[in-house]
Amino acid sequence: MRDKIYKHNKMSSIAVFSAIFMIIVAIVLLLSVKNARAEDEKDYKNVYINPDTGYEAIIEDDAALMAENDYEALLGLMKQITLYGNVMLKTIETNNMSTEGYIRALYNERFKSDSGTILVIDMDNRNIWIHSNGKISVSYTHLRAHETSQDL
């Protein structure tokens, strides 16, 4: 009789441990989904897609240079550029390549051969760099990009 009670208690302990373990796993999964959803919402509010042209305006402030209330105003200005091409503002804290190499790789990754312009503020190399491609580069020339970066 005692062996049956011991086996029953042992099985109950395993069942309780398994249930607690499953609850902990479920909580961890729910929290990770909630965090991923919060990150997606944050990214979504810093992106505008022009419904007529399909071009995007994107702000990625990885260096945390902007105040939260500045995003909407800046995105409003960037929306105007989406009539002509994609536009992106990217700030970075660390960079293990040249700013020019970084921005070219970023442009190819994001926009491929589409028309657009990207402004990168590279805090690691202390550079501001603008890269344009496609039909937007006809109106936003190298000289104008240089003048803009000097004004910043």
Protein backbone atom coordinates (compact mmCIF):
# COMPACT_ATOMS: atom_id res chain seq x y z
CA MET A 1 0.00 0.00 0.00
CA ARG A 2 2.81 2.35 0.89
CA ASP A 3 4.44 1.79 -2.53
CA LYS A 4 1.22 2.83 -4.29
CA ILE A 5 1.01 6.06 -2.27
CA TYR A 6 4.67 6.82 -3.02
CA LYS A 7 4.18 6.21 -6.74
CA HIS A 8 1.03 8.36 -6.71
CA ASN A 9 2.84 11.22 -4.92
CA LYS A 10 5.79 10.90 -7.29
CA MET A 11 3.47 11.07 -10.30
CA SER A 12 1.62 14.05 -8.80
CA SER A 13 4.92 15.87 -8.27
CA ILE A 14 5.94 15.26 -11.87
CA ALA A 15 2.54 16.44 -13.09
CA VAL A 16 2.69 19.59 -10.96
CA PHE A 17 6.26 20.30 -12.07
CA SER A 18 5.27 19.77 -15.71
CA ALA A 19 2.26 22.07 -15.35
CA ILE A 20 4.34 24.81 -13.71
CA PHE A 21 7.01 24.44 -16.38
CA MET A 22 4.40 24.74 -19.15
CA ILE A 23 2.90 27.85 -17.50
CA ILE A 24 6.33 29.48 -17.29
CA VAL A 25 7.02 28.65 -20.95
CA ALA A 26 3.63 30.08 -21.94
CA ILE A 27 4.32 33.31 -20.01
CA VAL A 28 7.75 33.69 -21.62
CA LEU A 29 6.25 33.13 -25.08
CA LEU A 30 3.45 35.62 -24.45
CA LEU A 31 5.92 38.25 -23.23
CA SER A 32 8.18 37.76 -26.24
CA VAL A 33 5.20 38.08 -28.61
CA LYS A 34 4.08 41.22 -26.76
CA ASN A 35 7.60 42.72 -27.02
CA ALA A 36 7.85 41.83 -30.71
CA ARG A 37 4.43 43.35 -31.30
CA ALA A 38 5.49 46.53 -29.43
CA GLU A 39 8.65 46.75 -31.57
CA ASP A 40 6.58 46.26 -34.73
CA GLU A 41 4.18 49.00 -33.61
CA LYS A 42 7.11 51.33 -32.91
CA ASP A 43 8.59 50.60 -36.34
CA TYR A 44 5.19 50.99 -37.96
CA LYS A 45 4.56 54.45 -36.56
CA ASN A 46 7.93 55.61 -37.94
CA VAL A 47 7.10 54.46 -41.47
CA TYR A 48 4.81 56.02 -44.05
CA ILE A 49 3.96 54.39 -47.38
CA ASN A 50 2.59 56.69 -50.06
CA PRO A 51 -0.57 54.97 -51.35
CA ASP A 52 -0.21 56.52 -54.82
CA THR A 53 3.48 55.86 -55.50
CA GLY A 54 4.32 53.02 -53.10
CA TYR A 55 7.42 54.93 -51.96
CA GLU A 56 8.29 54.87 -48.26
CA ALA A 57 9.38 57.42 -45.67
CA ILE A 58 11.27 55.69 -42.86
CA ILE A 59 12.86 56.91 -39.62
CA GLU A 60 15.18 54.56 -37.73
CA ASP A 61 16.75 56.38 -34.80
CA ASP A 62 19.07 53.66 -33.46
CA ALA A 63 21.33 56.28 -31.84
CA ALA A 64 18.33 57.73 -29.96
CA LEU A 65 19.04 61.29 -31.08
CA MET A 66 15.43 62.36 -31.50
CA ALA A 67 12.72 63.02 -28.94
CA GLU A 68 9.62 60.86 -29.32
CA ASN A 69 7.43 63.83 -30.29
CA ASP A 70 9.81 64.79 -33.16
CA TYR A 71 9.05 61.67 -35.20
CA GLU A 72 5.61 62.76 -36.36
CA ALA A 73 6.71 66.23 -37.47
CA LEU A 74 9.74 64.90 -39.33
CA LEU A 75 7.76 62.11 -40.94
CA GLY A 76 5.27 64.74 -42.12
CA LEU A 77 8.08 66.53 -43.95
CA MET A 78 9.47 63.29 -45.35
CA LYS A 79 6.05 62.31 -46.76
CA GLN A 80 6.42 65.08 -49.34
CA ILE A 81 9.52 63.38 -50.76
CA THR A 82 7.61 60.11 -51.34
CA LEU A 83 6.08 61.69 -54.43
CA TYR A 84 9.51 61.29 -56.07
CA GLY A 85 11.11 58.33 -54.30
CA ASN A 86 11.84 56.55 -51.04
CA VAL A 87 13.35 58.53 -48.18
CA MET A 88 15.02 57.35 -44.99
CA LEU A 89 16.66 58.90 -41.96
CA LYS A 90 18.92 56.45 -40.13
CA THR A 91 20.96 57.26 -37.04
CA ILE A 92 23.54 54.75 -35.81
CA GLU A 93 25.58 54.58 -32.62
CA THR A 94 28.19 52.05 -33.73
CA ASN A 95 29.59 51.29 -37.16
CA ASN A 96 32.53 49.06 -38.04
CA MET A 97 32.86 50.29 -41.64
CA SER A 98 33.04 53.61 -43.41
CA THR A 99 29.88 55.69 -43.40
CA GLU A 100 29.87 55.64 -47.21
CA GLY A 101 30.11 51.85 -47.27
CA TYR A 102 27.39 51.55 -44.64
CA ILE A 103 24.94 53.83 -46.46
CA ARG A 104 25.50 52.12 -49.83
CA ALA A 105 24.87 48.69 -48.27
CA LEU A 106 21.80 50.04 -46.46
CA TYR A 107 20.43 51.55 -49.66
CA ASN A 108 20.89 48.31 -51.60
CA GLU A 109 19.27 46.33 -48.79
CA ARG A 110 16.27 48.65 -48.41
CA PHE A 111 15.56 50.13 -51.81
CA LYS A 112 17.61 48.05 -54.28
CA SER A 113 17.47 50.04 -57.55
CA ASP A 114 14.34 52.07 -56.68
CA SER A 115 14.49 55.84 -56.59
CA GLY A 116 15.30 57.22 -53.17
CA THR A 117 17.55 59.02 -50.76
CA ILE A 118 18.97 58.11 -47.37
CA LEU A 119 20.49 60.39 -44.77
CA VAL A 120 22.69 58.61 -42.20
CA ILE A 121 23.93 60.21 -39.01
CA ASP A 122 26.87 58.05 -37.95
CA MET A 123 27.76 58.84 -34.33
CA ASP A 124 30.65 56.35 -34.31
CA ASN A 125 32.51 57.97 -37.21
CA ARG A 126 31.02 61.43 -36.53
CA ASN A 127 29.69 61.72 -40.09
CA ILE A 128 26.52 62.84 -41.79
CA TRP A 129 26.13 61.18 -45.18
CA ILE A 130 23.46 61.43 -47.87
CA HIS A 131 23.08 58.90 -50.68
CA SER A 132 20.56 59.22 -53.53
CA ASN A 133 19.79 56.96 -56.46
CA GLY A 134 17.32 56.75 -59.32
CA LYS A 135 15.19 59.60 -60.61
CA ILE A 136 15.31 61.40 -57.25
CA SER A 137 19.08 61.85 -57.71
CA VAL A 138 18.43 64.08 -60.74
CA SER A 139 16.74 66.67 -58.53
CA TYR A 140 18.78 65.97 -55.41
CA THR A 141 22.29 66.23 -56.78
CA HIS A 142 25.61 65.56 -55.08
CA LEU A 143 26.17 69.31 -54.65
CA ARG A 144 22.76 69.80 -53.05
CA ALA A 145 23.36 66.83 -50.71
CA HIS A 146 26.68 68.34 -49.68
CA GLU A 147 25.03 71.70 -48.99
CA THR A 148 22.30 69.99 -46.91
CA SER A 149 24.83 68.07 -44.83
CA GLN A 150 26.76 71.29 -44.18
CA ASP A 151 23.56 72.99 -42.99
CA LEU A 152 22.99 70.25 -40.44
